[in-house]
Amino acid sequence: MIINPAAGQDKPFLNTLNTVFRECDVEWDLSITQQAGDARRFAQHAVANGVDVVAAYGGDGTVAEVASGLVGSSVPLAILPGGTANVMALELGIPNDLLKAARLASGIDSVIERIDVGQIKDHHFLLRVGLGYEAAIVEQADRTLKKRLGIWAYLWSAVHNLRTPKIAHYELTLDGREVECAGFTCAIANSGSLGLPGLKLAQSVTIRDGLLDVIIVEEASWRSLWDVLNHVFGAQKPRTPRSDAEFQRYSQELQSSIRHWQAKEISLQVHPMQVTQYDGEVLTPVSLPLVCKVLPGMLHVVTPKPTT
């Protein structure tokens, strides 16, 4: 059990874990992270010691770091949501309730499946690498803001950053094919969930297809995205569209300005340089080109048993 004590949820949880694991006759040990790199090292040590499962309690950054220590091994990852957004748990259908998630990790109504992992430099990611607008959202939704607002910290940052979008020029090599595009954000996605049920980058993005998805939102769509956010969250009441027809129109305009490709390996140049994040962690230092690749089926995870 690897725990990040600085994760987003500020509530007692050890008693819940102890109760569930005792009921399920699970022997468990606990490691607590203090700094970046601890979670990966703890996971690698657990694999070397022959454990059956490594569980991560924390946010998406913690989950990604624990996963990086398990990549290529047969030891599965169990996710116990303890962060602000818990996007990976949502992607895999893992309940946000800690009691239910702990029972799942203990083998109750669960299965072990294999999922893809993304790699950028020496880092692994489960969700995506983001540049520009999306990365600025992560950067500004710092720990203090997340402690105060929870998931709404990301929504506040999303609206705030969209007021003055910064356009960049992207040059990509996708499995050897070169493309160029201008936009204000780029996502290299291994999975599609955005942290709210039913809300995805694109419905075709999946964590089990052996591919990464490159999604660029072009300059022409920033006003449509602004209006969609206003419609959903009421950020600008005088201009907020209220009818379903208006919302549908803005959504269609936004989709028409999104470029979408798939590849196994992506090399990216961007001018000017933009803030870059992976699974909620800001990437520093950044050197170009950024190279991302997919590692198909390289991570075993504990997920809910499919319903019949």
C-alpha atoms as a PDB file:
ATOM      1  CA  MET A   1       0.000   0.000   0.000  1.00  0.00           C
ATOM      2  CA  ILE A   2       1.582   3.274  -1.161  1.00  0.00           C
ATOM      3  CA  ILE A   3       0.025   6.435   0.206  1.00  0.00           C
ATOM      4  CA  ASN A   4       0.552  10.070  -0.717  1.00  0.00           C
ATOM      5  CA  PRO A   5      -0.284  12.051   2.455  1.00  0.00           C
ATOM      6  CA  ALA A   6      -0.465  15.295   0.465  1.00  0.00           C
ATOM      7  CA  ALA A   7      -3.261  14.016  -1.811  1.00  0.00           C
ATOM      8  CA  GLY A   8      -6.364  16.118  -2.370  1.00  0.00           C
ATOM      9  CA  GLN A   9      -8.783  14.419   0.021  1.00  0.00           C
ATOM     10  CA  ASP A  10      -8.281  15.496   3.615  1.00  0.00           C
ATOM     11  CA  LYS A  11     -10.086  12.796   5.573  1.00  0.00           C
ATOM     12  CA  PRO A  12      -9.199   9.734   7.671  1.00  0.00           C
ATOM     13  CA  PHE A  13      -8.833   6.536   5.666  1.00  0.00           C
ATOM     14  CA  LEU A  14      -6.517   4.071   7.458  1.00  0.00           C
ATOM     15  CA  ASN A  15      -9.323   2.729   9.637  1.00  0.00           C
ATOM     16  CA  THR A  16     -11.390   1.973   6.524  1.00  0.00           C
ATOM     17  CA  LEU A  17      -8.483   0.164   4.878  1.00  0.00           C
ATOM     18  CA  ASN A  18      -7.670  -1.813   8.010  1.00  0.00           C
ATOM     19  CA  THR A  19     -11.300  -2.891   8.408  1.00  0.00           C
ATOM     20  CA  VAL A  20     -11.671  -4.055   4.815  1.00  0.00           C
ATOM     21  CA  PHE A  21      -8.331  -5.848   4.619  1.00  0.00           C
ATOM     22  CA  ARG A  22      -8.973  -7.623   7.914  1.00  0.00           C
ATOM     23  CA  GLU A  23     -12.408  -8.769   6.732  1.00  0.00           C
ATOM     24  CA  CYS A  24     -10.868 -10.054   3.488  1.00  0.00           C
ATOM     25  CA  ASP A  25      -7.919 -11.705   5.277  1.00  0.00           C
ATOM     26  CA  VAL A  26      -5.413  -9.569   3.362  1.00  0.00           C
ATOM     27  CA  GLU A  27      -1.914  -9.086   4.734  1.00  0.00           C
ATOM     28  CA  TRP A  28      -0.732  -5.581   3.957  1.00  0.00           C
ATOM     29  CA  ASP A  29       2.131  -3.201   4.497  1.00  0.00           C
ATOM     30  CA  LEU A  30       2.247   0.560   4.220  1.00  0.00           C
ATOM     31  CA  SER A  31       4.688   2.971   2.565  1.00  0.00           C
ATOM     32  CA  ILE A  32       4.214   6.741   2.762  1.00  0.00           C
ATOM     33  CA  THR A  33       5.690   9.061   0.138  1.00  0.00           C
ATOM     34  CA  GLN A  34       7.584  12.195   1.092  1.00  0.00           C
ATOM     35  CA  GLN A  35       8.934  13.403  -2.229  1.00  0.00           C
ATOM     36  CA  ALA A  36       8.792  12.791  -5.975  1.00  0.00           C
ATOM     37  CA  GLY A  37      10.226   9.411  -6.915  1.00  0.00           C
ATOM     38  CA  ASP A  38       9.275   7.670  -3.674  1.00  0.00           C
ATOM     39  CA  ALA A  39       6.156   6.023  -5.097  1.00  0.00           C
ATOM     40  CA  ARG A  40       8.028   4.522  -8.048  1.00  0.00           C
ATOM     41  CA  ARG A  41      10.825   3.248  -5.794  1.00  0.00           C
ATOM     42  CA  PHE A  42       8.360   1.745  -3.309  1.00  0.00           C
ATOM     43  CA  ALA A  43       6.505  -0.033  -6.136  1.00  0.00           C
ATOM     44  CA  GLN A  44       9.710  -1.488  -7.565  1.00  0.00           C
ATOM     45  CA  HIS A  45      10.728  -2.680  -4.103  1.00  0.00           C
ATOM     46  CA  ALA A  46       7.320  -4.318  -3.614  1.00  0.00           C
ATOM     47  CA  VAL A  47       7.670  -6.191  -6.914  1.00  0.00           C
ATOM     48  CA  ALA A  48      11.117  -7.417  -5.886  1.00  0.00           C
ATOM     49  CA  ASN A  49       9.644  -8.681  -2.619  1.00  0.00           C
ATOM     50  CA  GLY A  50       7.011 -10.750  -4.424  1.00  0.00           C
ATOM     51  CA  VAL A  51       3.795  -9.018  -3.357  1.00  0.00           C
ATOM     52  CA  ASP A  52       0.503  -9.970  -5.030  1.00  0.00           C
ATOM     53  CA  VAL A  53      -0.870  -6.442  -5.520  1.00  0.00           C
ATOM     54  CA  VAL A  54       0.457  -2.889  -5.172  1.00  0.00           C
ATOM     55  CA  ALA A  55      -2.244  -0.389  -4.206  1.00  0.00           C
ATOM     56  CA  ALA A  56      -1.954   3.382  -4.642  1.00  0.00           C
ATOM     57  CA  TYR A  57      -3.884   5.885  -2.533  1.00  0.00           C
ATOM     58  CA  GLY A  58      -3.671   9.407  -3.916  1.00  0.00           C
ATOM     59  CA  GLY A  59      -4.413  11.421  -7.021  1.00  0.00           C
ATOM     60  CA  ASP A  60      -3.626  10.763 -10.663  1.00  0.00           C
ATOM     61  CA  GLY A  61      -0.007  11.848 -10.267  1.00  0.00           C
ATOM     62  CA  THR A  62       0.509   9.319  -7.468  1.00  0.00           C
ATOM     63  CA  VAL A  63      -1.225   6.582  -9.461  1.00  0.00           C
ATOM     64  CA  ALA A  64       0.962   7.294 -12.501  1.00  0.00           C
ATOM     65  CA  GLU A  65       4.149   7.203 -10.449  1.00  0.00           C
ATOM     66  CA  VAL A  66       3.229   3.921  -8.755  1.00  0.00           C
ATOM     67  CA  ALA A  67       2.315   2.504 -12.170  1.00  0.00           C
ATOM     68  CA  SER A  68       5.735   3.487 -13.507  1.00  0.00           C
ATOM     69  CA  GLY A  69       7.305   1.146 -10.961  1.00  0.00           C
ATOM     70  CA  LEU A  70       5.087  -1.736 -12.107  1.00  0.00           C
ATOM     71  CA  VAL A  71       5.369  -1.369 -15.903  1.00  0.00           C
ATOM     72  CA  GLY A  72       6.505  -4.614 -17.476  1.00  0.00           C
ATOM     73  CA  SER A  73       5.912  -6.713 -14.349  1.00  0.00           C
ATOM     74  CA  SER A  74       2.996  -9.063 -13.716  1.00  0.00           C
ATOM     75  CA  VAL A  75       2.111  -7.386 -10.395  1.00  0.00           C
ATOM     76  CA  PRO A  76      -1.203  -5.538 -10.760  1.00  0.00           C
ATOM     77  CA  LEU A  77      -1.988  -2.005  -9.667  1.00  0.00           C
ATOM     78  CA  ALA A  78      -5.029  -1.352  -7.478  1.00  0.00           C
ATOM     79  CA  ILE A  79      -6.278   2.239  -7.401  1.00  0.00           C
ATOM     80  CA  LEU A  80      -7.808   3.682  -4.227  1.00  0.00           C
ATOM     81  CA  PRO A  81      -9.048   7.180  -5.201  1.00  0.00           C
ATOM     82  CA  GLY A  82      -7.678   9.792  -2.816  1.00  0.00           C
ATOM     83  CA  GLY A  83      -6.989  12.788  -5.037  1.00  0.00           C
ATOM     84  CA  THR A  84      -8.892  15.798  -6.290  1.00  0.00           C
ATOM     85  CA  ALA A  85     -10.065  14.523  -9.672  1.00  0.00           C
ATOM     86  CA  ASN A  86      -9.296  10.746  -9.713  1.00  0.00           C
ATOM     87  CA  VAL A  87      -9.591  10.642 -13.497  1.00  0.00           C
ATOM     88  CA  MET A  88      -7.887   7.259 -13.923  1.00  0.00           C
ATOM     89  CA  ALA A  89     -10.287   5.635 -11.467  1.00  0.00           C
ATOM     90  CA  LEU A  90     -13.216   7.028 -13.449  1.00  0.00           C
ATOM     91  CA  GLU A  91     -11.677   5.789 -16.705  1.00  0.00           C
ATOM     92  CA  LEU A  92     -11.478   2.232 -15.349  1.00  0.00           C
ATOM     93  CA  GLY A  93     -14.836   2.234 -13.570  1.00  0.00           C
ATOM     94  CA  ILE A  94     -13.304   2.091 -10.091  1.00  0.00           C
ATOM     95  CA  PRO A  95     -15.721   3.452  -7.457  1.00  0.00           C
ATOM     96  CA  ASN A  96     -14.825   6.750  -5.797  1.00  0.00           C
ATOM     97  CA  ASP A  97     -16.014   5.362  -2.464  1.00  0.00           C
ATOM     98  CA  LEU A  98     -12.926   4.152  -0.563  1.00  0.00           C
ATOM     99  CA  LEU A  99     -14.717   1.221   1.093  1.00  0.00           C
ATOM    100  CA  LYS A 100     -15.874  -0.142  -2.270  1.00  0.00           C
ATOM    101  CA  ALA A 101     -12.511   0.498  -3.920  1.00  0.00           C
ATOM    102  CA  ALA A 102     -10.681  -1.324  -1.104  1.00  0.00           C
ATOM    103  CA  ARG A 103     -12.978  -4.340  -1.459  1.00  0.00           C
ATOM    104  CA  LEU A 104     -12.253  -4.312  -5.186  1.00  0.00           C
ATOM    105  CA  ALA A 105      -8.516  -4.236  -4.484  1.00  0.00           C
ATOM    106  CA  SER A 106      -8.971  -7.222  -2.164  1.00  0.00           C
ATOM    107  CA  GLY A 107     -10.366  -9.336  -4.996  1.00  0.00           C
ATOM    108  CA  ILE A 108     -14.105  -8.924  -4.388  1.00  0.00           C
ATOM    109  CA  ASP A 109     -15.934  -8.754  -7.746  1.00  0.00           C
ATOM    110  CA  SER A 110     -12.728  -7.702  -9.514  1.00  0.00           C
ATOM    111  CA  VAL A 111     -10.617  -8.899 -12.428  1.00  0.00           C
ATOM    112  CA  ILE A 112      -7.075  -8.165 -13.571  1.00  0.00           C
ATOM    113  CA  GLU A 113      -6.697  -6.705 -17.039  1.00  0.00           C
ATOM    114  CA  ARG A 114      -3.912  -5.166 -19.088  1.00  0.00           C
ATOM    115  CA  ILE A 115      -3.891  -1.541 -20.246  1.00  0.00           C
ATOM    116  CA  ASP A 116      -1.595   0.659 -22.301  1.00  0.00           C
ATOM    117  CA  VAL A 117       0.953   3.036 -20.801  1.00  0.00           C
ATOM    118  CA  GLY A 118       2.384   6.171 -22.389  1.00  0.00           C
ATOM    119  CA  GLN A 119       6.013   7.202 -22.066  1.00  0.00           C
ATOM    120  CA  ILE A 120       7.613  10.643 -22.357  1.00  0.00           C
ATOM    121  CA  LYS A 121      11.342  10.768 -21.699  1.00  0.00           C
ATOM    122  CA  ASP A 122      11.888   8.796 -18.468  1.00  0.00           C
ATOM    123  CA  HIS A 123       8.298   9.341 -17.290  1.00  0.00           C
ATOM    124  CA  HIS A 124       5.249   7.120 -17.742  1.00  0.00           C
ATOM    125  CA  PHE A 125       1.708   8.441 -18.042  1.00  0.00           C
ATOM    126  CA  LEU A 126      -1.696   6.795 -17.971  1.00  0.00           C
ATOM    127  CA  LEU A 127      -3.898   9.745 -18.937  1.00  0.00           C
ATOM    128  CA  ARG A 128      -2.118  12.168 -21.263  1.00  0.00           C
ATOM    129  CA  VAL A 129       0.558  14.714 -21.934  1.00  0.00           C
ATOM    130  CA  GLY A 130      -0.870  18.210 -22.358  1.00  0.00           C
ATOM    131  CA  LEU A 131       0.659  21.392 -23.765  1.00  0.00           C
ATOM    132  CA  GLY A 132      -0.623  24.950 -23.701  1.00  0.00           C
ATOM    133  CA  TYR A 133      -4.116  25.590 -22.387  1.00  0.00           C
ATOM    134  CA  GLU A 134      -4.598  22.246 -20.641  1.00  0.00           C
ATOM    135  CA  ALA A 135      -1.173  22.408 -18.993  1.00  0.00           C
ATOM    136  CA  ALA A 136      -1.829  25.979 -17.839  1.00  0.00           C
ATOM    137  CA  ILE A 137      -5.007  24.715 -16.142  1.00  0.00           C
ATOM    138  CA  VAL A 138      -2.969  22.136 -14.219  1.00  0.00           C
ATOM    139  CA  GLU A 139      -0.233  24.636 -13.373  1.00  0.00           C
ATOM    140  CA  GLN A 140      -2.626  27.242 -11.938  1.00  0.00           C
ATOM    141  CA  ALA A 141      -4.816  24.738 -10.090  1.00  0.00           C
ATOM    142  CA  ASP A 142      -2.112  24.318  -7.469  1.00  0.00           C
ATOM    143  CA  ARG A 143      -2.376  22.337  -4.237  1.00  0.00           C
ATOM    144  CA  THR A 144      -3.632  25.333  -2.234  1.00  0.00           C
ATOM    145  CA  LEU A 145      -6.454  26.017  -4.694  1.00  0.00           C
ATOM    146  CA  LYS A 146      -7.383  22.333  -4.887  1.00  0.00           C
ATOM    147  CA  LYS A 147      -7.521  22.116  -1.096  1.00  0.00           C
ATOM    148  CA  ARG A 148      -9.920  25.076  -1.073  1.00  0.00           C
ATOM    149  CA  LEU A 149     -12.098  24.291  -4.110  1.00  0.00           C
ATOM    150  CA  GLY A 150     -11.584  20.587  -4.828  1.00  0.00           C
ATOM    151  CA  ILE A 151     -12.470  19.594  -8.428  1.00  0.00           C
ATOM    152  CA  TRP A 152     -13.798  23.121  -9.013  1.00  0.00           C
ATOM    153  CA  ALA A 153     -10.203  24.393  -8.918  1.00  0.00           C
ATOM    154  CA  TYR A 154      -9.707  22.938 -12.394  1.00  0.00           C
ATOM    155  CA  LEU A 155     -12.922  24.495 -13.666  1.00  0.00           C
ATOM    156  CA  TRP A 156     -11.974  27.908 -12.280  1.00  0.00           C
ATOM    157  CA  SER A 157      -8.556  27.639 -13.912  1.00  0.00           C
ATOM    158  CA  ALA A 158     -10.128  26.477 -17.203  1.00  0.00           C
ATOM    159  CA  VAL A 159     -12.322  29.562 -17.481  1.00  0.00           C
ATOM    160  CA  HIS A 160      -9.584  31.923 -16.265  1.00  0.00           C
ATOM    161  CA  ASN A 161      -7.024  30.700 -18.810  1.00  0.00           C
ATOM    162  CA  LEU A 162      -9.458  30.777 -21.735  1.00  0.00           C
ATOM    163  CA  ARG A 163      -9.823  34.554 -21.552  1.00  0.00           C
ATOM    164  CA  THR A 164      -6.455  35.104 -23.244  1.00  0.00           C
ATOM    165  CA  PRO A 165      -5.569  31.964 -25.243  1.00  0.00           C
ATOM    166  CA  LYS A 166      -1.986  31.781 -26.500  1.00  0.00           C
ATOM    167  CA  ILE A 167      -1.637  30.288 -29.962  1.00  0.00           C
ATOM    168  CA  ALA A 168       1.306  28.041 -30.856  1.00  0.00           C
ATOM    169  CA  HIS A 169       2.511  26.252 -33.982  1.00  0.00           C
ATOM    170  CA  TYR A 170       2.852  22.468 -33.670  1.00  0.00           C
ATOM    171  CA  GLU A 171       5.047  20.325 -35.899  1.00  0.00           C
ATOM    172  CA  LEU A 172       4.399  16.613 -35.412  1.00  0.00           C
ATOM    173  CA  THR A 173       5.879  13.411 -36.717  1.00  0.00           C
ATOM    174  CA  LEU A 174       3.314  10.607 -36.329  1.00  0.00           C
ATOM    175  CA  ASP A 175       4.873   7.198 -36.968  1.00  0.00           C
ATOM    176  CA  GLY A 176       7.055   8.873 -39.585  1.00  0.00           C
ATOM    177  CA  ARG A 177       4.303  11.051 -41.127  1.00  0.00           C
ATOM    178  CA  GLU A 178       4.758  14.821 -40.739  1.00  0.00           C
ATOM    179  CA  VAL A 179       1.868  17.205 -40.051  1.00  0.00           C
ATOM    180  CA  GLU A 180       1.619  20.836 -38.923  1.00  0.00           C
ATOM    181  CA  CYS A 181      -1.144  22.685 -37.120  1.00  0.00           C
ATOM    182  CA  ALA A 182      -1.723  25.888 -35.122  1.00  0.00           C
ATOM    183  CA  GLY A 183      -3.736  25.842 -31.926  1.00  0.00           C
ATOM    184  CA  PHE A 184      -3.892  26.820 -28.279  1.00  0.00           C
ATOM    185  CA  THR A 185      -3.671  23.348 -26.755  1.00  0.00           C
ATOM    186  CA  CYS A 186      -2.380  19.918 -27.675  1.00  0.00           C
ATOM    187  CA  ALA A 187      -3.071  16.634 -25.905  1.00  0.00           C
ATOM    188  CA  ILE A 188      -1.241  13.367 -26.474  1.00  0.00           C
ATOM    189  CA  ALA A 189      -3.705  11.002 -24.869  1.00  0.00           C
ATOM    190  CA  ASN A 190      -3.496   7.414 -23.698  1.00  0.00           C
ATOM    191  CA  SER A 191      -7.008   7.594 -22.236  1.00  0.00           C
ATOM    192  CA  GLY A 192      -9.918   9.925 -22.874  1.00  0.00           C
ATOM    193  CA  SER A 193     -11.700  10.708 -19.599  1.00  0.00           C
ATOM    194  CA  LEU A 194     -11.723  14.346 -18.443  1.00  0.00           C
ATOM    195  CA  GLY A 195     -12.830  13.611 -14.884  1.00  0.00           C
ATOM    196  CA  LEU A 196     -16.593  13.906 -15.208  1.00  0.00           C
ATOM    197  CA  PRO A 197     -18.884  10.972 -16.152  1.00  0.00           C
ATOM    198  CA  GLY A 198     -19.457  10.911 -19.911  1.00  0.00           C
ATOM    199  CA  LEU A 199     -17.028  13.782 -20.599  1.00  0.00           C
ATOM    200  CA  LYS A 200     -14.166  12.629 -22.857  1.00  0.00           C
ATOM    201  CA  LEU A 201     -11.610  14.154 -25.184  1.00  0.00           C
ATOM    202  CA  ALA A 202     -13.132  12.042 -27.935  1.00  0.00           C
ATOM    203  CA  GLN A 203     -15.324   8.967 -27.741  1.00  0.00           C
ATOM    204  CA  SER A 204     -12.836   6.932 -29.778  1.00  0.00           C
ATOM    205  CA  VAL A 205      -9.967   7.378 -27.306  1.00  0.00           C
ATOM    206  CA  THR A 206      -9.361   4.159 -25.365  1.00  0.00           C
ATOM    207  CA  ILE A 207      -6.640   2.891 -23.069  1.00  0.00           C
ATOM    208  CA  ARG A 208      -6.678  -0.572 -24.625  1.00  0.00           C
ATOM    209  CA  ASP A 209      -6.004  -0.012 -28.352  1.00  0.00           C
ATOM    210  CA  GLY A 210      -2.200   0.166 -28.432  1.00  0.00           C
ATOM    211  CA  LEU A 211      -2.284   3.742 -29.775  1.00  0.00           C
ATOM    212  CA  LEU A 212      -1.876   7.303 -28.556  1.00  0.00           C
ATOM    213  CA  ASP A 213      -4.342   9.975 -29.688  1.00  0.00           C
ATOM    214  CA  VAL A 214      -3.104  13.433 -30.652  1.00  0.00           C
ATOM    215  CA  ILE A 215      -5.751  16.133 -30.285  1.00  0.00           C
ATOM    216  CA  ILE A 216      -5.144  19.795 -31.134  1.00  0.00           C
ATOM    217  CA  VAL A 217      -7.753  22.497 -30.581  1.00  0.00           C
ATOM    218  CA  GLU A 218      -7.320  25.134 -33.274  1.00  0.00           C
ATOM    219  CA  GLU A 219      -7.422  28.901 -32.830  1.00  0.00           C
ATOM    220  CA  ALA A 220     -10.849  29.252 -34.443  1.00  0.00           C
ATOM    221  CA  SER A 221     -12.539  27.237 -31.716  1.00  0.00           C
ATOM    222  CA  TRP A 222     -11.515  29.136 -28.602  1.00  0.00           C
ATOM    223  CA  ARG A 223     -14.706  31.241 -28.576  1.00  0.00           C
ATOM    224  CA  SER A 224     -16.840  28.114 -28.958  1.00  0.00           C
ATOM    225  CA  LEU A 225     -15.019  26.448 -26.054  1.00  0.00           C
ATOM    226  CA  TRP A 226     -15.506  29.602 -23.970  1.00  0.00           C
ATOM    227  CA  ASP A 227     -19.240  29.547 -24.677  1.00  0.00           C
ATOM    228  CA  VAL A 228     -19.517  25.810 -23.946  1.00  0.00           C
ATOM    229  CA  LEU A 229     -17.822  26.299 -20.566  1.00  0.00           C
ATOM    230  CA  ASN A 230     -20.124  29.207 -19.839  1.00  0.00           C
ATOM    231  CA  HIS A 231     -23.141  27.104 -20.744  1.00  0.00           C
ATOM    232  CA  VAL A 232     -22.106  24.226 -18.503  1.00  0.00           C
ATOM    233  CA  PHE A 233     -20.760  26.169 -15.514  1.00  0.00           C
ATOM    234  CA  GLY A 234     -22.495  29.551 -15.765  1.00  0.00           C
ATOM    235  CA  ALA A 235     -19.216  31.457 -15.772  1.00  0.00           C
ATOM    236  CA  GLN A 236     -20.513  34.475 -17.697  1.00  0.00           C
ATOM    237  CA  LYS A 237     -24.228  34.836 -17.146  1.00  0.00           C
ATOM    238  CA  PRO A 238     -25.068  37.618 -19.661  1.00  0.00           C
ATOM    239  CA  ARG A 239     -23.608  35.598 -22.572  1.00  0.00           C
ATOM    240  CA  THR A 240     -24.395  32.091 -21.380  1.00  0.00           C
ATOM    241  CA  PRO A 241     -26.404  30.080 -23.913  1.00  0.00           C
ATOM    242  CA  ARG A 242     -29.287  28.339 -22.183  1.00  0.00           C
ATOM    243  CA  SER A 243     -31.043  26.362 -24.881  1.00  0.00           C
ATOM    244  CA  ASP A 244     -29.982  22.876 -25.912  1.00  0.00           C
ATOM    245  CA  ALA A 245     -29.897  24.058 -29.524  1.00  0.00           C
ATOM    246  CA  GLU A 246     -27.346  26.783 -28.680  1.00  0.00           C
ATOM    247  CA  PHE A 247     -25.224  24.366 -26.688  1.00  0.00           C
ATOM    248  CA  GLN A 248     -25.336  21.841 -29.533  1.00  0.00           C
ATOM    249  CA  ARG A 249     -24.265  24.522 -32.018  1.00  0.00           C
ATOM    250  CA  TYR A 250     -21.294  25.580 -29.905  1.00  0.00           C
ATOM    251  CA  SER A 251     -20.304  21.943 -29.414  1.00  0.00           C
ATOM    252  CA  GLN A 252     -20.416  21.297 -33.166  1.00  0.00           C
ATOM    253  CA  GLU A 253     -18.304  24.393 -33.836  1.00  0.00           C
ATOM    254  CA  LEU A 254     -15.783  23.217 -31.270  1.00  0.00           C
ATOM    255  CA  GLN A 255     -15.607  19.704 -32.723  1.00  0.00           C
ATOM    256  CA  SER A 256     -15.115  21.089 -36.236  1.00  0.00           C
ATOM    257  CA  SER A 257     -11.993  22.932 -35.041  1.00  0.00           C
ATOM    258  CA  ILE A 258     -10.375  19.903 -33.398  1.00  0.00           C
ATOM    259  CA  ARG A 259      -7.659  17.967 -35.245  1.00  0.00           C
ATOM    260  CA  HIS A 260      -7.302  14.313 -34.268  1.00  0.00           C
ATOM    261  CA  TRP A 261      -4.683  11.713 -35.208  1.00  0.00           C
ATOM    262  CA  GLN A 262      -3.534   8.351 -33.826  1.00  0.00           C
ATOM    263  CA  ALA A 263       0.000   6.959 -33.708  1.00  0.00           C
ATOM    264  CA  LYS A 264       2.285   4.653 -31.744  1.00  0.00           C
ATOM    265  CA  GLU A 265       5.107   7.187 -31.522  1.00  0.00           C
ATOM    266  CA  ILE A 266       4.866  10.977 -31.692  1.00  0.00           C
ATOM    267  CA  SER A 267       7.639  13.547 -31.981  1.00  0.00           C
ATOM    268  CA  LEU A 268       6.540  17.140 -31.380  1.00  0.00           C
ATOM    269  CA  GLN A 269       8.068  20.564 -31.872  1.00  0.00           C
ATOM    270  CA  VAL A 270       6.172  23.633 -30.623  1.00  0.00           C
ATOM    271  CA  HIS A 271       6.810  27.347 -31.216  1.00  0.00           C
ATOM    272  CA  PRO A 272       6.738  29.234 -28.932  1.00  0.00           C
ATOM    273  CA  MET A 273       7.405  26.756 -26.128  1.00  0.00           C
ATOM    274  CA  GLN A 274       4.370  25.990 -23.949  1.00  0.00           C
ATOM    275  CA  VAL A 275       3.867  24.706 -20.418  1.00  0.00           C
ATOM    276  CA  THR A 276       3.761  20.900 -20.499  1.00  0.00           C
ATOM    277  CA  GLN A 277       2.141  18.471 -18.054  1.00  0.00           C
ATOM    278  CA  TYR A 278       1.695  14.720 -17.771  1.00  0.00           C
ATOM    279  CA  ASP A 279      -1.018  13.203 -15.559  1.00  0.00           C
ATOM    280  CA  GLY A 280      -1.309  16.383 -13.499  1.00  0.00           C
ATOM    281  CA  GLU A 281       2.434  16.938 -13.006  1.00  0.00           C
ATOM    282  CA  VAL A 282       4.188  19.851 -14.700  1.00  0.00           C
ATOM    283  CA  LEU A 283       7.140  18.609 -16.778  1.00  0.00           C
ATOM    284  CA  THR A 284      10.434  20.385 -16.070  1.00  0.00           C
ATOM    285  CA  PRO A 285      12.794  20.891 -17.711  1.00  0.00           C
ATOM    286  CA  VAL A 286      11.281  20.710 -21.194  1.00  0.00           C
ATOM    287  CA  SER A 287      13.545  20.057 -24.168  1.00  0.00           C
ATOM    288  CA  LEU A 288      12.450  19.714 -27.780  1.00  0.00           C
ATOM    289  CA  PRO A 289      11.465  17.645 -29.545  1.00  0.00           C
ATOM    290  CA  LEU A 290       9.049  15.990 -27.126  1.00  0.00           C
ATOM    291  CA  VAL A 291       8.868  12.293 -27.937  1.00  0.00           C
ATOM    292  CA  CYS A 292       5.983  10.143 -26.698  1.00  0.00           C
ATOM    293  CA  LYS A 293       5.353   6.478 -27.374  1.00  0.00           C
ATOM    294  CA  VAL A 294       2.836   3.872 -26.287  1.00  0.00           C
ATOM    295  CA  LEU A 295       3.712   0.680 -24.408  1.00  0.00           C
ATOM    296  CA  PRO A 296       0.778  -1.601 -25.331  1.00  0.00           C
ATOM    297  CA  GLY A 297      -0.705  -3.700 -22.518  1.00  0.00           C
ATOM    298  CA  MET A 298       2.304  -3.112 -20.259  1.00  0.00           C
ATOM    299  CA  LEU A 299       0.387  -2.518 -17.024  1.00  0.00           C
ATOM    300  CA  HIS A 300      -1.826  -4.951 -15.113  1.00  0.00           C
ATOM    301  CA  VAL A 301      -4.643  -3.269 -13.169  1.00  0.00           C
ATOM    302  CA  VAL A 302      -7.401  -4.388 -10.832  1.00  0.00           C
ATOM    303  CA  THR A 303     -10.768  -3.380 -12.310  1.00  0.00           C
ATOM    304  CA  PRO A 304     -14.437  -4.182 -11.596  1.00  0.00           C
ATOM    305  CA  LYS A 305     -15.712  -7.478 -12.938  1.00  0.00           C
ATOM    306  CA  PRO A 306     -17.833  -6.841 -16.055  1.00  0.00           C
ATOM    307  CA  THR A 307     -21.559  -6.953 -15.420  1.00  0.00           C
ATOM    308  CA  THR A 308     -23.522  -9.500 -17.433  1.00  0.00           C
END
